[in-house]
Amino acid sequence: MALRPDELLADLLSRDPVQVWASACAVIQLDDLALIELVRHLPEIERGTADLDLGGAFFPNREHLQQALRVLRARRDGRCSCSVYPGYLFYDPEKEAQAKRIRILSHTPPDWTMTYRCRCAVCGSDYDVEQGESHYTWWQWRPA
């Protein structure tokens, strides 16, 4: 069950690294209506998490928090949600297409490394997406 915006806010401000990290990951996937509630608290979230060490072994968990903040800023500024894809390695084109946020226009044959051409379902922006593999599968989004 998804957390409500007020529950996410409480977790983000909890100073508990596990709760902050998990809630940041949830914020990244929220729909616009749920984001509206959190955007009002953006300055408070930024202050409350500014110096928090979230750890991370292969990838710094702080990057998930930074992406959640970018998502909130994009919503606040009226930018399309696709504008935050570049720079964050965990937007799987297949999952984004299933959520109807993007359309996959083409892709290379399925493999550990492949490329996609995607189009945002909201604003129509096109992206070239490189999929790679190391300790985890990642996706690098670039405007086409």
C-alpha atoms as a PDB file:
ATOM      1  CA  MET A   1       0.000   0.000   0.000  1.00  0.00           C
ATOM      2  CA  ALA A   2       1.350   3.403  -1.004  1.00  0.00           C
ATOM      3  CA  LEU A   3       2.012   5.953   1.679  1.00  0.00           C
ATOM      4  CA  ARG A   4      -0.083   9.116   1.746  1.00  0.00           C
ATOM      5  CA  PRO A   5       1.682  12.472   1.229  1.00  0.00           C
ATOM      6  CA  ASP A   6       1.432  13.299   4.949  1.00  0.00           C
ATOM      7  CA  GLU A   7       3.067   9.965   5.820  1.00  0.00           C
ATOM      8  CA  LEU A   8       5.816  10.541   3.255  1.00  0.00           C
ATOM      9  CA  LEU A   9       6.439  14.013   4.679  1.00  0.00           C
ATOM     10  CA  ALA A  10       6.722  12.620   8.210  1.00  0.00           C
ATOM     11  CA  ASP A  11       9.200   9.991   7.009  1.00  0.00           C
ATOM     12  CA  LEU A  12      11.241  12.521   5.013  1.00  0.00           C
ATOM     13  CA  LEU A  13      11.535  14.741   8.096  1.00  0.00           C
ATOM     14  CA  SER A  14      12.148  11.863  10.524  1.00  0.00           C
ATOM     15  CA  ARG A  15      15.986  12.052  10.290  1.00  0.00           C
ATOM     16  CA  ASP A  16      15.922   8.223  10.169  1.00  0.00           C
ATOM     17  CA  PRO A  17      18.150   7.302   7.172  1.00  0.00           C
ATOM     18  CA  VAL A  18      16.118   4.208   6.242  1.00  0.00           C
ATOM     19  CA  GLN A  19      12.789   6.058   6.366  1.00  0.00           C
ATOM     20  CA  VAL A  20      14.160   9.043   4.444  1.00  0.00           C
ATOM     21  CA  TRP A  21      15.692   6.802   1.767  1.00  0.00           C
ATOM     22  CA  ALA A  22      12.532   4.682   1.362  1.00  0.00           C
ATOM     23  CA  SER A  23      10.272   7.740   1.237  1.00  0.00           C
ATOM     24  CA  ALA A  24      12.530   9.493  -1.267  1.00  0.00           C
ATOM     25  CA  CYS A  25      12.256   6.441  -3.540  1.00  0.00           C
ATOM     26  CA  ALA A  26       8.467   6.586  -3.181  1.00  0.00           C
ATOM     27  CA  VAL A  27       8.359  10.318  -4.008  1.00  0.00           C
ATOM     28  CA  ILE A  28      10.241   9.671  -7.251  1.00  0.00           C
ATOM     29  CA  GLN A  29       7.340   7.493  -8.446  1.00  0.00           C
ATOM     30  CA  LEU A  30       4.404   9.634  -7.239  1.00  0.00           C
ATOM     31  CA  ASP A  31       1.770  10.989  -9.581  1.00  0.00           C
ATOM     32  CA  ASP A  32       1.316  14.738  -9.920  1.00  0.00           C
ATOM     33  CA  LEU A  33      -1.665  14.976  -7.583  1.00  0.00           C
ATOM     34  CA  ALA A  34       0.241  13.461  -4.680  1.00  0.00           C
ATOM     35  CA  LEU A  35       3.281  15.632  -5.446  1.00  0.00           C
ATOM     36  CA  ILE A  36       1.228  18.813  -5.073  1.00  0.00           C
ATOM     37  CA  GLU A  37       0.815  18.128  -1.359  1.00  0.00           C
ATOM     38  CA  LEU A  38       4.553  17.640  -0.828  1.00  0.00           C
ATOM     39  CA  VAL A  39       5.672  20.612  -2.958  1.00  0.00           C
ATOM     40  CA  ARG A  40       4.267  22.984  -0.329  1.00  0.00           C
ATOM     41  CA  HIS A  41       6.769  21.500   2.145  1.00  0.00           C
ATOM     42  CA  LEU A  42       9.805  21.542  -0.162  1.00  0.00           C
ATOM     43  CA  PRO A  43      11.809  24.161   1.808  1.00  0.00           C
ATOM     44  CA  GLU A  44      11.152  22.237   5.026  1.00  0.00           C
ATOM     45  CA  ILE A  45      12.238  18.938   3.402  1.00  0.00           C
ATOM     46  CA  GLU A  46      15.380  20.544   1.972  1.00  0.00           C
ATOM     47  CA  ARG A  47      16.357  21.970   5.379  1.00  0.00           C
ATOM     48  CA  GLY A  48      15.473  18.788   7.261  1.00  0.00           C
ATOM     49  CA  THR A  49      17.564  16.518   5.036  1.00  0.00           C
ATOM     50  CA  ALA A  50      20.460  18.831   4.109  1.00  0.00           C
ATOM     51  CA  ASP A  51      23.133  17.175   6.263  1.00  0.00           C
ATOM     52  CA  LEU A  52      21.721  13.670   6.556  1.00  0.00           C
ATOM     53  CA  ASP A  53      24.047  10.735   5.770  1.00  0.00           C
ATOM     54  CA  LEU A  54      21.989   8.045   4.018  1.00  0.00           C
ATOM     55  CA  GLY A  55      24.823   5.592   3.363  1.00  0.00           C
ATOM     56  CA  GLY A  56      24.838   3.249   0.377  1.00  0.00           C
ATOM     57  CA  ALA A  57      27.194   0.525  -0.788  1.00  0.00           C
ATOM     58  CA  PHE A  58      27.316   0.488  -4.616  1.00  0.00           C
ATOM     59  CA  PHE A  59      25.343   3.689  -5.116  1.00  0.00           C
ATOM     60  CA  PRO A  60      24.985   6.593  -2.653  1.00  0.00           C
ATOM     61  CA  ASN A  61      21.473   6.540  -1.176  1.00  0.00           C
ATOM     62  CA  ARG A  62      21.627  10.332  -1.024  1.00  0.00           C
ATOM     63  CA  GLU A  63      21.201  10.326  -4.813  1.00  0.00           C
ATOM     64  CA  HIS A  64      17.659   8.976  -4.341  1.00  0.00           C
ATOM     65  CA  LEU A  65      16.887  11.867  -2.002  1.00  0.00           C
ATOM     66  CA  GLN A  66      18.416  14.364  -4.452  1.00  0.00           C
ATOM     67  CA  GLN A  67      16.243  12.919  -7.224  1.00  0.00           C
ATOM     68  CA  ALA A  68      13.127  13.179  -5.053  1.00  0.00           C
ATOM     69  CA  LEU A  69      13.978  16.853  -4.462  1.00  0.00           C
ATOM     70  CA  ARG A  70      14.454  17.369  -8.238  1.00  0.00           C
ATOM     71  CA  VAL A  71      11.034  15.767  -8.822  1.00  0.00           C
ATOM     72  CA  LEU A  72       9.425  18.135  -6.312  1.00  0.00           C
ATOM     73  CA  ARG A  73      11.209  21.174  -7.773  1.00  0.00           C
ATOM     74  CA  ALA A  74      10.110  20.222 -11.297  1.00  0.00           C
ATOM     75  CA  ARG A  75       6.497  19.973 -10.122  1.00  0.00           C
ATOM     76  CA  ARG A  76       6.796  23.300  -8.277  1.00  0.00           C
ATOM     77  CA  ASP A  77       8.266  24.980 -11.356  1.00  0.00           C
ATOM     78  CA  GLY A  78       5.659  23.540 -13.737  1.00  0.00           C
ATOM     79  CA  ARG A  79       8.162  21.448 -15.692  1.00  0.00           C
ATOM     80  CA  CYS A  80       7.179  18.124 -17.203  1.00  0.00           C
ATOM     81  CA  SER A  81       8.031  15.105 -15.086  1.00  0.00           C
ATOM     82  CA  CYS A  82      10.241  13.753 -17.886  1.00  0.00           C
ATOM     83  CA  SER A  83      12.649  16.656 -17.359  1.00  0.00           C
ATOM     84  CA  VAL A  84      14.081  14.849 -14.331  1.00  0.00           C
ATOM     85  CA  TYR A  85      14.908  11.571 -16.116  1.00  0.00           C
ATOM     86  CA  PRO A  86      18.443  12.623 -17.184  1.00  0.00           C
ATOM     87  CA  GLY A  87      20.961  12.318 -14.380  1.00  0.00           C
ATOM     88  CA  TYR A  88      19.189   9.553 -12.442  1.00  0.00           C
ATOM     89  CA  LEU A  89      20.002   5.953 -13.316  1.00  0.00           C
ATOM     90  CA  PHE A  90      16.859   4.168 -12.123  1.00  0.00           C
ATOM     91  CA  TYR A  91      14.083   5.141 -14.539  1.00  0.00           C
ATOM     92  CA  ASP A  92      13.426   1.833 -16.316  1.00  0.00           C
ATOM     93  CA  PRO A  93      11.829   2.631 -19.695  1.00  0.00           C
ATOM     94  CA  GLU A  94       9.707  -0.545 -19.534  1.00  0.00           C
ATOM     95  CA  LYS A  95       8.230   0.463 -16.159  1.00  0.00           C
ATOM     96  CA  GLU A  96       7.742   4.068 -17.256  1.00  0.00           C
ATOM     97  CA  ALA A  97       5.877   2.783 -20.335  1.00  0.00           C
ATOM     98  CA  GLN A  98       3.721   0.470 -18.195  1.00  0.00           C
ATOM     99  CA  ALA A  99       2.843   3.496 -16.038  1.00  0.00           C
ATOM    100  CA  LYS A 100       1.915   5.311 -19.287  1.00  0.00           C
ATOM    101  CA  ARG A 101       4.391   8.125 -18.626  1.00  0.00           C
ATOM    102  CA  ILE A 102       6.342   7.418 -21.824  1.00  0.00           C
ATOM    103  CA  ARG A 103       6.038   5.416 -25.046  1.00  0.00           C
ATOM    104  CA  ILE A 104       8.883   3.245 -26.257  1.00  0.00           C
ATOM    105  CA  LEU A 105       9.310   4.055 -29.943  1.00  0.00           C
ATOM    106  CA  SER A 106      12.090   1.551 -30.642  1.00  0.00           C
ATOM    107  CA  HIS A 107      14.809  -0.480 -28.957  1.00  0.00           C
ATOM    108  CA  THR A 108      17.714  -2.704 -29.817  1.00  0.00           C
ATOM    109  CA  PRO A 109      17.330  -6.473 -29.309  1.00  0.00           C
ATOM    110  CA  PRO A 110      16.844  -7.320 -25.613  1.00  0.00           C
ATOM    111  CA  ASP A 111      20.116  -7.901 -23.787  1.00  0.00           C
ATOM    112  CA  TRP A 112      21.959  -6.657 -20.694  1.00  0.00           C
ATOM    113  CA  THR A 113      23.040  -3.617 -22.662  1.00  0.00           C
ATOM    114  CA  MET A 114      20.624  -2.032 -25.096  1.00  0.00           C
ATOM    115  CA  THR A 115      19.283   1.303 -26.232  1.00  0.00           C
ATOM    116  CA  TYR A 116      15.761   2.708 -26.396  1.00  0.00           C
ATOM    117  CA  ARG A 117      14.127   5.649 -28.136  1.00  0.00           C
ATOM    118  CA  CYS A 118      11.311   6.959 -25.917  1.00  0.00           C
ATOM    119  CA  ARG A 119       8.726   9.739 -26.090  1.00  0.00           C
ATOM    120  CA  CYS A 120       7.124  11.471 -23.123  1.00  0.00           C
ATOM    121  CA  ALA A 121       3.367  10.865 -23.057  1.00  0.00           C
ATOM    122  CA  VAL A 122       2.777  14.352 -21.624  1.00  0.00           C
ATOM    123  CA  CYS A 123       4.989  16.822 -23.487  1.00  0.00           C
ATOM    124  CA  GLY A 124       6.189  14.744 -26.455  1.00  0.00           C
ATOM    125  CA  SER A 125       9.922  15.111 -25.723  1.00  0.00           C
ATOM    126  CA  ASP A 126      12.073  12.327 -27.156  1.00  0.00           C
ATOM    127  CA  TYR A 127      14.872  10.583 -25.275  1.00  0.00           C
ATOM    128  CA  ASP A 128      17.646   8.176 -26.145  1.00  0.00           C
ATOM    129  CA  VAL A 129      18.111   5.752 -23.268  1.00  0.00           C
ATOM    130  CA  GLU A 130      21.176   3.573 -22.767  1.00  0.00           C
ATOM    131  CA  GLN A 131      20.740   0.502 -20.573  1.00  0.00           C
ATOM    132  CA  GLY A 132      23.813  -0.864 -18.852  1.00  0.00           C
ATOM    133  CA  GLU A 133      24.728  -3.432 -16.256  1.00  0.00           C
ATOM    134  CA  SER A 134      27.241  -3.500 -13.408  1.00  0.00           C
ATOM    135  CA  HIS A 135      26.193  -4.390  -9.851  1.00  0.00           C
ATOM    136  CA  TYR A 136      22.678  -3.426 -10.930  1.00  0.00           C
ATOM    137  CA  THR A 137      20.913  -2.528 -14.173  1.00  0.00           C
ATOM    138  CA  TRP A 138      20.895   1.208 -14.902  1.00  0.00           C
ATOM    139  CA  TRP A 139      19.434   3.523 -17.556  1.00  0.00           C
ATOM    140  CA  GLN A 140      20.996   6.774 -18.762  1.00  0.00           C
ATOM    141  CA  TRP A 141      18.417   9.135 -20.289  1.00  0.00           C
ATOM    142  CA  ARG A 142      19.507  11.830 -22.761  1.00  0.00           C
ATOM    143  CA  PRO A 143      17.316  14.251 -24.716  1.00  0.00           C
ATOM    144  CA  ALA A 144      17.221  13.082 -28.340  1.00  0.00           C
END
